[in-house]
C-alpha atoms as a PDB file:
ATOM      1  CA  MET A   1     -64.740  42.452  23.129  1.00  0.00           C
ATOM      2  CA  GLY A   2     -64.811  38.657  23.060  1.00  0.00           C
ATOM      3  CA  LYS A   3     -65.272  38.564  19.294  1.00  0.00           C
ATOM      4  CA  ILE A   4     -62.270  40.866  18.799  1.00  0.00           C
ATOM      5  CA  VAL A   5     -60.099  38.577  20.941  1.00  0.00           C
ATOM      6  CA  ASP A   6     -61.390  35.516  19.071  1.00  0.00           C
ATOM      7  CA  THR A   7     -60.613  37.163  15.730  1.00  0.00           C
ATOM      8  CA  LYS A   8     -57.068  38.023  16.833  1.00  0.00           C
ATOM      9  CA  MET A   9     -56.524  34.493  18.136  1.00  0.00           C
ATOM     10  CA  LYS A  10     -57.877  32.987  14.898  1.00  0.00           C
ATOM     11  CA  PHE A  11     -55.409  35.149  12.989  1.00  0.00           C
ATOM     12  CA  LEU A  12     -52.543  33.838  15.152  1.00  0.00           C
ATOM     13  CA  VAL A  13     -53.679  30.235  14.738  1.00  0.00           C
ATOM     14  CA  ASP A  14     -53.836  30.598  10.959  1.00  0.00           C
ATOM     15  CA  ALA A  15     -50.411  32.229  10.813  1.00  0.00           C
ATOM     16  CA  LEU A  16     -48.821  29.557  12.984  1.00  0.00           C
ATOM     17  CA  VAL A  17     -50.417  26.665  11.080  1.00  0.00           C
ATOM     18  CA  LYS A  18     -49.207  28.204   7.810  1.00  0.00           C
ATOM     19  CA  SER A  19     -45.671  28.267   9.223  1.00  0.00           C
ATOM     20  CA  TYR A  20     -46.010  24.548  10.010  1.00  0.00           C
ATOM     21  CA  TYR A  21     -46.610  23.764   6.356  1.00  0.00           C
ATOM     22  CA  ASP A  22     -43.951  26.236   5.216  1.00  0.00           C
ATOM     23  CA  ASN A  23     -41.360  24.491   7.431  1.00  0.00           C
ATOM     24  CA  VAL A  24     -42.431  20.855   7.465  1.00  0.00           C
ATOM     25  CA  GLU A  25     -38.932  19.644   8.386  1.00  0.00           C
ATOM     26  CA  ILE A  26     -39.439  20.788  12.004  1.00  0.00           C
ATOM     27  CA  ILE A  27     -42.895  19.379  12.646  1.00  0.00           C
ATOM     28  CA  LYS A  28     -44.104  15.873  13.439  1.00  0.00           C
ATOM     29  CA  PHE A  29     -47.608  15.178  12.158  1.00  0.00           C
ATOM     30  CA  ASP A  30     -47.542  11.543  13.254  1.00  0.00           C
ATOM     31  CA  THR A  31     -46.327  11.512  16.861  1.00  0.00           C
ATOM     32  CA  ALA A  32     -47.450   7.970  17.658  1.00  0.00           C
ATOM     33  CA  GLU A  33     -44.071   6.640  16.469  1.00  0.00           C
ATOM     34  CA  GLN A  34     -41.997   9.514  17.832  1.00  0.00           C
ATOM     35  CA  LEU A  35     -39.182   8.617  20.237  1.00  0.00           C
ATOM     36  CA  ASN A  36     -40.052   9.181  23.886  1.00  0.00           C
ATOM     37  CA  ARG A  37     -37.136  11.216  25.242  1.00  0.00           C
ATOM     38  CA  SER A  38     -38.366  11.037  28.836  1.00  0.00           C
ATOM     39  CA  LEU A  39     -38.597   7.248  28.639  1.00  0.00           C
ATOM     40  CA  ILE A  40     -35.096   6.987  27.141  1.00  0.00           C
ATOM     41  CA  ILE A  41     -33.719   9.035  30.036  1.00  0.00           C
ATOM     42  CA  GLU A  42     -35.610   6.804  32.470  1.00  0.00           C
ATOM     43  CA  LEU A  43     -34.124   3.727  30.789  1.00  0.00           C
ATOM     44  CA  THR A  44     -30.656   5.280  31.083  1.00  0.00           C
ATOM     45  CA  GLU A  45     -31.121   5.593  34.832  1.00  0.00           C
ATOM     46  CA  LYS A  46     -32.331   1.984  35.053  1.00  0.00           C
ATOM     47  CA  LEU A  47     -29.254   0.877  33.133  1.00  0.00           C
ATOM     48  CA  ARG A  48     -27.134   2.696  35.712  1.00  0.00           C
ATOM     49  CA  CYS A  49     -28.972   0.654  38.363  1.00  0.00           C
ATOM     50  CA  LEU A  50     -27.925  -2.516  36.530  1.00  0.00           C
ATOM     51  CA  ILE A  51     -24.330  -1.302  36.254  1.00  0.00           C
ATOM     52  CA  PHE A  52     -24.098  -0.204  39.898  1.00  0.00           C
ATOM     53  CA  PRO A  53     -26.685  -2.309  41.772  1.00  0.00           C
ATOM     54  CA  GLY A  54     -27.590  -0.937  45.181  1.00  0.00           C
ATOM     55  CA  TYR A  55     -26.287   2.575  44.484  1.00  0.00           C
ATOM     56  CA  PHE A  56     -29.314   3.922  42.633  1.00  0.00           C
ATOM     57  CA  GLY A  57     -33.017   3.196  42.555  1.00  0.00           C
ATOM     58  CA  LYS A  58     -35.637   2.934  45.269  1.00  0.00           C
ATOM     59  CA  LYS A  59     -35.379  -0.748  46.156  1.00  0.00           C
ATOM     60  CA  ASN A  60     -33.205  -2.118  48.929  1.00  0.00           C
ATOM     61  CA  ILE A  61     -31.356  -5.079  47.402  1.00  0.00           C
ATOM     62  CA  SER A  62     -30.463  -8.023  49.621  1.00  0.00           C
ATOM     63  CA  GLY A  63     -28.000 -10.662  48.478  1.00  0.00           C
ATOM     64  CA  GLY A  64     -30.670 -13.339  48.264  1.00  0.00           C
ATOM     65  CA  LEU A  65     -32.918 -11.268  46.000  1.00  0.00           C
ATOM     66  CA  ILE A  66     -30.347  -9.791  43.627  1.00  0.00           C
ATOM     67  CA  GLU A  67     -31.072 -12.384  40.928  1.00  0.00           C
ATOM     68  CA  TYR A  68     -34.807 -11.625  41.050  1.00  0.00           C
ATOM     69  CA  HIS A  69     -34.197  -7.869  41.105  1.00  0.00           C
ATOM     70  CA  THR A  70     -31.778  -8.068  38.157  1.00  0.00           C
ATOM     71  CA  GLY A  71     -34.164 -10.180  36.104  1.00  0.00           C
ATOM     72  CA  GLU A  72     -37.100  -7.885  36.771  1.00  0.00           C
ATOM     73  CA  LEU A  73     -35.121  -4.774  35.857  1.00  0.00           C
ATOM     74  CA  LEU A  74     -33.576  -6.345  32.749  1.00  0.00           C
ATOM     75  CA  ASP A  75     -36.975  -7.468  31.519  1.00  0.00           C
ATOM     76  CA  ASP A  76     -38.402  -3.972  31.978  1.00  0.00           C
ATOM     77  CA  VAL A  77     -35.464  -2.308  30.208  1.00  0.00           C
ATOM     78  CA  ASN A  78     -35.495  -4.819  27.358  1.00  0.00           C
ATOM     79  CA  TYR A  79     -39.250  -4.416  26.749  1.00  0.00           C
ATOM     80  CA  ASN A  80     -39.198  -0.609  26.617  1.00  0.00           C
ATOM     81  CA  LEU A  81     -35.848  -0.286  24.877  1.00  0.00           C
ATOM     82  CA  THR A  82     -36.983  -2.636  22.115  1.00  0.00           C
ATOM     83  CA  LYS A  83     -39.984  -0.396  21.448  1.00  0.00           C
ATOM     84  CA  GLN A  84     -37.818   2.732  21.338  1.00  0.00           C
ATOM     85  CA  ILE A  85     -35.249   1.107  19.049  1.00  0.00           C
ATOM     86  CA  ALA A  86     -38.046   0.039  16.683  1.00  0.00           C
ATOM     87  CA  ARG A  87     -39.132   3.668  16.463  1.00  0.00           C
ATOM     88  CA  ALA A  88     -35.540   4.838  16.016  1.00  0.00           C
ATOM     89  CA  LEU A  89     -35.013   2.450  13.090  1.00  0.00           C
ATOM     90  CA  ARG A  90     -37.437   4.558  11.071  1.00  0.00           C
ATOM     91  CA  PHE A  91     -34.619   7.135  10.941  1.00  0.00           C
ATOM     92  CA  GLN A  92     -31.898   4.820   9.672  1.00  0.00           C
ATOM     93  CA  ASN A  93     -30.571   5.216   6.157  1.00  0.00           C
ATOM     94  CA  PRO A  94     -32.189   3.601   4.264  1.00  0.00           C
ATOM     95  CA  PRO A  95     -35.224   3.424   6.588  1.00  0.00           C
ATOM     96  CA  GLN A  96     -36.849   0.075   7.349  1.00  0.00           C
ATOM     97  CA  ALA A  97     -40.447   0.454   6.185  1.00  0.00           C
ATOM     98  CA  ASP A  98     -41.858  -2.886   7.316  1.00  0.00           C
ATOM     99  CA  GLU A  99     -43.060  -2.633  10.924  1.00  0.00           C
ATOM    100  CA  ASP A 100     -42.682  -6.345  11.680  1.00  0.00           C
ATOM    101  CA  LEU A 101     -39.107  -6.385  10.378  1.00  0.00           C
ATOM    102  CA  ARG A 102     -38.312  -3.277  12.440  1.00  0.00           C
ATOM    103  CA  SER A 103     -39.702  -4.907  15.567  1.00  0.00           C
ATOM    104  CA  ALA A 104     -37.723  -8.095  15.003  1.00  0.00           C
ATOM    105  CA  ARG A 105     -34.516  -6.151  14.342  1.00  0.00           C
ATOM    106  CA  ALA A 106     -35.136  -3.975  17.404  1.00  0.00           C
ATOM    107  CA  SER A 107     -35.467  -7.060  19.579  1.00  0.00           C
ATOM    108  CA  GLU A 108     -32.139  -8.380  18.272  1.00  0.00           C
ATOM    109  CA  LEU A 109     -30.406  -5.048  18.853  1.00  0.00           C
ATOM    110  CA  SER A 110     -31.779  -4.625  22.372  1.00  0.00           C
ATOM    111  CA  PHE A 111     -30.585  -8.087  23.419  1.00  0.00           C
ATOM    112  CA  ALA A 112     -27.193  -7.559  21.767  1.00  0.00           C
ATOM    113  CA  PHE A 113     -26.815  -4.284  23.650  1.00  0.00           C
ATOM    114  CA  LEU A 114     -27.855  -5.723  27.021  1.00  0.00           C
ATOM    115  CA  SER A 115     -25.391  -8.569  26.486  1.00  0.00           C
ATOM    116  CA  THR A 116     -22.542  -6.023  26.681  1.00  0.00           C
ATOM    117  CA  LEU A 117     -23.427  -4.974  30.254  1.00  0.00           C
ATOM    118  CA  PRO A 118     -21.128  -7.468  32.073  1.00  0.00           C
ATOM    119  CA  ASP A 119     -18.114  -6.300  30.059  1.00  0.00           C
ATOM    120  CA  LEU A 120     -19.138  -2.659  30.512  1.00  0.00           C
ATOM    121  CA  ARG A 121     -19.205  -3.194  34.279  1.00  0.00           C
ATOM    122  CA  ASP A 122     -15.626  -4.487  34.122  1.00  0.00           C
ATOM    123  CA  VAL A 123     -14.460  -1.387  32.241  1.00  0.00           C
ATOM    124  CA  LEU A 124     -16.409   1.023  34.457  1.00  0.00           C
ATOM    125  CA  ALA A 125     -14.846  -0.585  37.528  1.00  0.00           C
ATOM    126  CA  THR A 126     -11.460   0.509  36.126  1.00  0.00           C
ATOM    127  CA  ASP A 127     -12.805   4.056  35.628  1.00  0.00           C
ATOM    128  CA  VAL A 128     -13.926   4.180  39.262  1.00  0.00           C
ATOM    129  CA  SER A 129     -10.493   2.919  40.356  1.00  0.00           C
ATOM    130  CA  ALA A 130      -8.758   5.526  38.177  1.00  0.00           C
ATOM    131  CA  ALA A 131     -10.859   8.284  39.751  1.00  0.00           C
ATOM    132  CA  TYR A 132     -10.101   7.075  43.272  1.00  0.00           C
ATOM    133  CA  ASP A 133      -6.382   6.584  42.648  1.00  0.00           C
ATOM    134  CA  GLY A 134      -6.082   9.917  40.856  1.00  0.00           C
ATOM    135  CA  ASP A 135      -8.009  12.164  43.227  1.00  0.00           C
ATOM    136  CA  PRO A 136      -6.656  12.733  46.750  1.00  0.00           C
ATOM    137  CA  ALA A 137      -9.938  14.493  47.605  1.00  0.00           C
ATOM    138  CA  ALA A 138     -11.909  11.266  47.084  1.00  0.00           C
ATOM    139  CA  TYR A 139     -13.111   9.833  50.401  1.00  0.00           C
ATOM    140  CA  ASN A 140     -13.952   6.396  48.986  1.00  0.00           C
ATOM    141  CA  LYS A 141     -15.267   4.705  45.844  1.00  0.00           C
ATOM    142  CA  ASP A 142     -18.868   5.027  47.052  1.00  0.00           C
ATOM    143  CA  GLU A 143     -18.467   8.802  46.875  1.00  0.00           C
ATOM    144  CA  ILE A 144     -17.130   8.554  43.334  1.00  0.00           C
ATOM    145  CA  ILE A 145     -19.941   6.319  42.061  1.00  0.00           C
ATOM    146  CA  SER A 146     -22.670   8.292  43.822  1.00  0.00           C
ATOM    147  CA  SER A 147     -21.590  11.859  43.130  1.00  0.00           C
ATOM    148  CA  TYR A 148     -18.766  12.356  40.626  1.00  0.00           C
ATOM    149  CA  PRO A 149     -20.008  13.969  37.391  1.00  0.00           C
ATOM    150  CA  GLY A 150     -17.137  12.395  35.461  1.00  0.00           C
ATOM    151  CA  ILE A 151     -18.282   8.883  36.363  1.00  0.00           C
ATOM    152  CA  TYR A 152     -21.875   9.760  35.457  1.00  0.00           C
ATOM    153  CA  ALA A 153     -20.821  11.074  32.042  1.00  0.00           C
ATOM    154  CA  ILE A 154     -18.485   8.154  31.358  1.00  0.00           C
ATOM    155  CA  THR A 155     -21.125   5.591  32.385  1.00  0.00           C
ATOM    156  CA  VAL A 156     -23.774   7.060  30.106  1.00  0.00           C
ATOM    157  CA  ASN A 157     -21.274   7.440  27.281  1.00  0.00           C
ATOM    158  CA  ARG A 158     -20.085   3.843  27.482  1.00  0.00           C
ATOM    159  CA  LEU A 159     -23.705   2.658  27.376  1.00  0.00           C
ATOM    160  CA  ALA A 160     -24.545   4.964  24.462  1.00  0.00           C
ATOM    161  CA  HIS A 161     -21.372   3.949  22.610  1.00  0.00           C
ATOM    162  CA  GLU A 162     -22.495   0.310  22.496  1.00  0.00           C
ATOM    163  CA  LEU A 163     -25.812   1.340  20.937  1.00  0.00           C
ATOM    164  CA  TYR A 164     -23.918   3.607  18.535  1.00  0.00           C
ATOM    165  CA  LYS A 165     -21.703   0.696  17.424  1.00  0.00           C
ATOM    166  CA  LEU A 166     -24.816  -1.399  16.796  1.00  0.00           C
ATOM    167  CA  GLY A 167     -26.088   1.303  14.442  1.00  0.00           C
ATOM    168  CA  VAL A 168     -29.056   2.416  16.555  1.00  0.00           C
ATOM    169  CA  PRO A 169     -30.053   5.932  15.422  1.00  0.00           C
ATOM    170  CA  LEU A 170     -30.857   8.899  17.716  1.00  0.00           C
ATOM    171  CA  ILE A 171     -31.091   7.084  21.063  1.00  0.00           C
ATOM    172  CA  PRO A 172     -27.333   7.208  21.835  1.00  0.00           C
ATOM    173  CA  ARG A 173     -27.271  10.972  21.229  1.00  0.00           C
ATOM    174  CA  ILE A 174     -30.333  11.549  23.431  1.00  0.00           C
ATOM    175  CA  MET A 175     -28.544   9.667  26.220  1.00  0.00           C
ATOM    176  CA  THR A 176     -25.243  11.544  25.970  1.00  0.00           C
ATOM    177  CA  GLU A 177     -26.899  14.947  25.587  1.00  0.00           C
ATOM    178  CA  HIS A 178     -28.859  14.227  28.759  1.00  0.00           C
ATOM    179  CA  ALA A 179     -25.552  13.503  30.518  1.00  0.00           C
ATOM    180  CA  HIS A 180     -24.178  16.712  28.974  1.00  0.00           C
ATOM    181  CA  ASN A 181     -27.082  18.696  30.446  1.00  0.00           C
ATOM    182  CA  ILE A 182     -26.537  17.142  33.872  1.00  0.00           C
ATOM    183  CA  THR A 183     -22.734  17.345  34.082  1.00  0.00           C
ATOM    184  CA  GLY A 184     -21.498  19.942  31.576  1.00  0.00           C
ATOM    185  CA  ILE A 185     -19.407  17.154  29.989  1.00  0.00           C
ATOM    186  CA  ASP A 186     -20.059  16.720  26.259  1.00  0.00           C
ATOM    187  CA  ILE A 187     -18.916  13.322  24.929  1.00  0.00           C
ATOM    188  CA  HIS A 188     -20.225  12.177  21.560  1.00  0.00           C
ATOM    189  CA  PRO A 189     -21.383   8.533  21.668  1.00  0.00           C
ATOM    190  CA  GLY A 190     -19.120   7.776  18.709  1.00  0.00           C
ATOM    191  CA  ALA A 191     -15.927   8.498  20.678  1.00  0.00           C
ATOM    192  CA  THR A 192     -13.821   5.412  21.428  1.00  0.00           C
ATOM    193  CA  ILE A 193     -12.465   5.399  24.994  1.00  0.00           C
ATOM    194  CA  GLY A 194     -10.126   2.903  26.666  1.00  0.00           C
ATOM    195  CA  HIS A 195     -10.135   1.616  30.226  1.00  0.00           C
ATOM    196  CA  HIS A 196      -9.035   3.495  33.374  1.00  0.00           C
ATOM    197  CA  PHE A 197     -10.402   6.781  31.995  1.00  0.00           C
ATOM    198  CA  PHE A 198     -10.455   9.614  34.541  1.00  0.00           C
ATOM    199  CA  ILE A 199     -12.275  12.929  34.208  1.00  0.00           C
ATOM    200  CA  ASP A 200     -11.423  15.302  37.055  1.00  0.00           C
ATOM    201  CA  HIS A 201     -14.016  18.045  37.719  1.00  0.00           C
ATOM    202  CA  GLY A 202     -15.130  17.810  34.107  1.00  0.00           C
ATOM    203  CA  THR A 203     -17.169  20.949  33.450  1.00  0.00           C
ATOM    204  CA  GLY A 204     -16.695  22.167  29.885  1.00  0.00           C
ATOM    205  CA  ILE A 205     -15.014  19.047  28.504  1.00  0.00           C
ATOM    206  CA  VAL A 206     -15.824  18.362  24.822  1.00  0.00           C
ATOM    207  CA  ILE A 207     -14.921  15.074  23.113  1.00  0.00           C
ATOM    208  CA  GLY A 208     -15.833  14.765  19.438  1.00  0.00           C
ATOM    209  CA  GLU A 209     -17.328  11.836  17.553  1.00  0.00           C
ATOM    210  CA  THR A 210     -14.181  10.422  15.930  1.00  0.00           C
ATOM    211  CA  THR A 211     -11.904  10.881  18.944  1.00  0.00           C
ATOM    212  CA  ILE A 212      -9.895   7.816  19.969  1.00  0.00           C
ATOM    213  CA  ILE A 213      -8.690   7.718  23.586  1.00  0.00           C
ATOM    214  CA  GLY A 214      -6.348   5.045  24.905  1.00  0.00           C
ATOM    215  CA  ASN A 215      -5.983   3.536  28.372  1.00  0.00           C
ATOM    216  CA  PHE A 216      -5.082   5.359  31.609  1.00  0.00           C
ATOM    217  CA  VAL A 217      -5.913   8.807  30.193  1.00  0.00           C
ATOM    218  CA  LYS A 218      -6.729  11.699  32.506  1.00  0.00           C
ATOM    219  CA  LEU A 219      -8.599  14.881  31.482  1.00  0.00           C
ATOM    220  CA  TYR A 220      -9.273  17.999  33.512  1.00  0.00           C
ATOM    221  CA  GLN A 221     -12.041  20.580  33.146  1.00  0.00           C
ATOM    222  CA  GLY A 222     -12.368  22.628  29.982  1.00  0.00           C
ATOM    223  CA  VAL A 223     -10.434  20.253  27.716  1.00  0.00           C
ATOM    224  CA  THR A 224     -11.523  20.130  24.070  1.00  0.00           C
ATOM    225  CA  LEU A 225     -10.743  17.181  21.810  1.00  0.00           C
ATOM    226  CA  GLY A 226     -12.213  18.675  18.684  1.00  0.00           C
ATOM    227  CA  ALA A 227     -12.074  19.248  14.952  1.00  0.00           C
ATOM    228  CA  LEU A 228      -9.929  21.851  13.224  1.00  0.00           C
ATOM    229  CA  SER A 229     -12.863  22.946  11.090  1.00  0.00           C
ATOM    230  CA  THR A 230     -16.427  21.828  10.400  1.00  0.00           C
ATOM    231  CA  ARG A 231     -17.027  24.185   7.460  1.00  0.00           C
ATOM    232  CA  GLY A 232     -17.390  21.182   5.168  1.00  0.00           C
ATOM    233  CA  GLY A 233     -20.565  20.171   6.998  1.00  0.00           C
ATOM    234  CA  GLN A 234     -22.054  16.801   5.962  1.00  0.00           C
ATOM    235  CA  VAL A 235     -19.196  16.211   3.497  1.00  0.00           C
ATOM    236  CA  LEU A 236     -16.998  15.501   6.541  1.00  0.00           C
ATOM    237  CA  LYS A 237     -19.427  12.960   8.003  1.00  0.00           C
ATOM    238  CA  GLU A 238     -17.255   9.869   7.511  1.00  0.00           C
ATOM    239  CA  VAL A 239     -13.909  11.666   7.933  1.00  0.00           C
ATOM    240  CA  LYS A 240     -11.795  11.355  11.096  1.00  0.00           C
ATOM    241  CA  ARG A 241     -11.985  14.916  12.389  1.00  0.00           C
ATOM    242  CA  HIS A 242     -10.864  14.531  15.998  1.00  0.00           C
ATOM    243  CA  PRO A 243      -7.536  13.607  17.609  1.00  0.00           C
ATOM    244  CA  THR A 244      -6.118  10.313  18.827  1.00  0.00           C
ATOM    245  CA  ILE A 245      -4.909  10.236  22.435  1.00  0.00           C
ATOM    246  CA  GLU A 246      -2.627   7.313  23.251  1.00  0.00           C
ATOM    247  CA  ASP A 247      -2.113   5.575  26.615  1.00  0.00           C
ATOM    248  CA  HIS A 248      -1.089   7.280  29.859  1.00  0.00           C
ATOM    249  CA  VAL A 249      -1.720  10.835  28.616  1.00  0.00           C
ATOM    250  CA  THR A 250      -2.664  13.665  30.992  1.00  0.00           C
ATOM    251  CA  ILE A 251      -4.336  16.798  29.636  1.00  0.00           C
ATOM    252  CA  TYR A 252      -4.762  19.724  32.008  1.00  0.00           C
ATOM    253  CA  SER A 253      -7.539  22.297  32.174  1.00  0.00           C
ATOM    254  CA  GLY A 254      -8.387  24.491  29.221  1.00  0.00           C
ATOM    255  CA  ALA A 255      -6.226  22.666  26.688  1.00  0.00           C
ATOM    256  CA  SER A 256      -7.511  22.260  23.115  1.00  0.00           C
ATOM    257  CA  ILE A 257      -6.298  19.416  20.907  1.00  0.00           C
ATOM    258  CA  LEU A 258      -7.715  19.592  17.407  1.00  0.00           C
ATOM    259  CA  GLY A 259      -7.638  17.678  14.126  1.00  0.00           C
ATOM    260  CA  GLY A 260      -8.105  14.127  12.903  1.00  0.00           C
ATOM    261  CA  ASN A 261      -4.421  13.747  12.032  1.00  0.00           C
ATOM    262  CA  THR A 262      -3.268  14.900  15.466  1.00  0.00           C
ATOM    263  CA  ILE A 263      -1.832  12.055  17.548  1.00  0.00           C
ATOM    264  CA  ILE A 264      -0.795  12.616  21.149  1.00  0.00           C
ATOM    265  CA  GLY A 265       1.824   9.977  21.922  1.00  0.00           C
ATOM    266  CA  GLU A 266       1.996   7.694  24.928  1.00  0.00           C
ATOM    267  CA  GLY A 267       2.929   9.315  28.230  1.00  0.00           C
ATOM    268  CA  VAL A 268       2.510  12.910  26.990  1.00  0.00           C
ATOM    269  CA  VAL A 269       1.511  15.672  29.416  1.00  0.00           C
ATOM    270  CA  ILE A 270      -0.360  18.641  27.927  1.00  0.00           C
ATOM    271  CA  GLY A 271      -0.316  21.733  30.126  1.00  0.00           C
ATOM    272  CA  SER A 272      -3.209  24.077  30.844  1.00  0.00           C
ATOM    273  CA  ASN A 273      -4.492  26.288  28.008  1.00  0.00           C
ATOM    274  CA  ALA A 274      -2.247  24.682  25.385  1.00  0.00           C
ATOM    275  CA  PHE A 275      -3.535  24.844  21.796  1.00  0.00           C
ATOM    276  CA  VAL A 276      -2.310  21.773  19.913  1.00  0.00           C
ATOM    277  CA  THR A 277      -2.985  21.089  16.229  1.00  0.00           C
ATOM    278  CA  LYS A 278       0.017  18.878  15.429  1.00  0.00           C
ATOM    279  CA  SER A 279       1.070  15.464  16.662  1.00  0.00           C
ATOM    280  CA  VAL A 280       3.181  15.233  19.817  1.00  0.00           C
ATOM    281  CA  PRO A 281       5.795  12.462  20.210  1.00  0.00           C
ATOM    282  CA  GLU A 282       5.606  10.122  23.183  1.00  0.00           C
ATOM    283  CA  LYS A 283       6.844  11.097  26.647  1.00  0.00           C
ATOM    284  CA  THR A 284       6.795  14.825  25.846  1.00  0.00           C
ATOM    285  CA  LYS A 285       5.610  17.697  28.027  1.00  0.00           C
ATOM    286  CA  VAL A 286       3.756  20.511  26.254  1.00  0.00           C
ATOM    287  CA  SER A 287       3.223  23.778  28.099  1.00  0.00           C
ATOM    288  CA  VAL A 288       2.357  27.397  27.431  1.00  0.00           C
ATOM    289  CA  LYS A 289       4.973  29.922  28.508  1.00  0.00           C
ATOM    290  CA  ASN A 290       3.627  31.785  31.503  1.00  0.00           C
ATOM    291  CA  PRO A 291       2.564  35.366  30.746  1.00  0.00           C
ATOM    292  CA  GLU A 292       4.451  38.069  32.615  1.00  0.00           C
ATOM    293  CA  LEU A 293       2.610  39.080  35.757  1.00  0.00           C
ATOM    294  CA  GLN A 294       2.738  42.669  36.999  1.00  0.00           C
ATOM    295  CA  PHE A 295       2.088  43.591  40.621  1.00  0.00           C
ATOM    296  CA  MET A 296       1.199  47.161  41.653  1.00  0.00           C
ATOM    297  CA  SER A 297       0.360  48.818  44.924  1.00  0.00           C
ATOM    298  CA  ASP A 298      -2.674  51.128  44.996  1.00  0.00           C
ATOM    299  CA  GLU A 299      -0.319  54.126  44.795  1.00  0.00           C
ATOM    300  CA  GLN A 300       1.508  52.713  41.765  1.00  0.00           C
ATOM    301  CA  GLN A 301      -1.818  51.884  40.100  1.00  0.00           C
ATOM    302  CA  ASN A 302      -3.059  55.452  40.583  1.00  0.00           C
ATOM    303  CA  LYS A 303       0.160  56.879  39.130  1.00  0.00           C
ATOM    304  CA  TRP A 304      -0.048  54.513  36.148  1.00  0.00           C
ATOM    305  CA  GLU A 305      -3.678  55.415  35.440  1.00  0.00           C
ATOM    306  CA  HIS A 306      -2.914  59.151  35.751  1.00  0.00           C
ATOM    307  CA  LYS A 307      -0.044  58.785  33.291  1.00  0.00           C
ATOM    308  CA  GLU A 308      -2.223  56.866  30.815  1.00  0.00           C
ATOM    309  CA  PHE A 309      -4.994  59.476  31.019  1.00  0.00           C
ATOM    310  CA  GLN A 310      -2.520  62.288  30.355  1.00  0.00           C
ATOM    311  CA  GLN A 311      -1.067  60.480  27.351  1.00  0.00           C
ATOM    312  CA  ASP A 312      -4.541  60.017  25.916  1.00  0.00           C
ATOM    313  CA  GLY A 313      -5.500  63.615  26.614  1.00  0.00           C
ATOM    314  CA  VAL A 314      -8.043  62.514  29.231  1.00  0.00           C
ATOM    315  CA  PHE A 315      -8.004  64.412  32.514  1.00  0.00           C
ATOM    316  CA  ASP A 316     -11.463  63.621  33.925  1.00  0.00           C
ATOM    317  CA  TYR A 317     -12.366  60.503  35.821  1.00  0.00           C
ATOM    318  CA  MET A 318     -13.772  57.786  33.594  1.00  0.00           C
ATOM    319  CA  ILE A 319     -17.072  56.282  34.693  1.00  0.00           C
END
């Protein structure tokens, strides 16, 4: 019996190994230089600790030790991020073949990225303020920082966007897709987003790579800032495919705004479920005409169903 099982298993092994060589584009033979997704997610959380000290992490930070704590955390992030960036640079186009040059470039990129953290904190402080000012259900800013999915997604996106601008491959997308998994908010790291950005609820929001969002913009759940079509595939890689949203725009739940030439002017309000593929001039309200609602009592419903069944030649109950 054992030999039969071994023979069957050997057959499966051979078949699977053959498929590896038939589809080499989805296998990694040399995993020593593969990006460590778990470590990148861990680094993302440590970066959040640097952005919002005292809110996250296991250590209790006292005022007298904050300099030591910050230095220790920065050193840890810089060391591990440099290694991951060096691995990521193997995927740039054209790839950097020399390991020493990759390591040196990775060190430069990591420091350049970490140097943006003070300015990122300033911008994220405006996002927290926008969430507090815009949400009457918010108890205080601590609640927003600690629990709001919109702030989580925005924080990770702003971090990833800086790496994206520096030309670091893969890592920014791993970071934002992790935030997507956690929050249901899908923001491409290439999207450019101004200050005082507020995402309310957030689930189902999609913001494409070439989207440009101004200052004091508010989005509700289910909003899509997307492309009209992606049928061109890689040909559209460098083309602006997603809309531009100017300052002080509010977009309510379920609205879709599509196309790289679509500009939503300053002060515009887009109503729920609107489907917009053309530019909207400033200080305009866009809304979908409400569908007609019909109210029936149980008796009226029964009469209506009976009438429909008779018209269709159906006289039995439908199950």
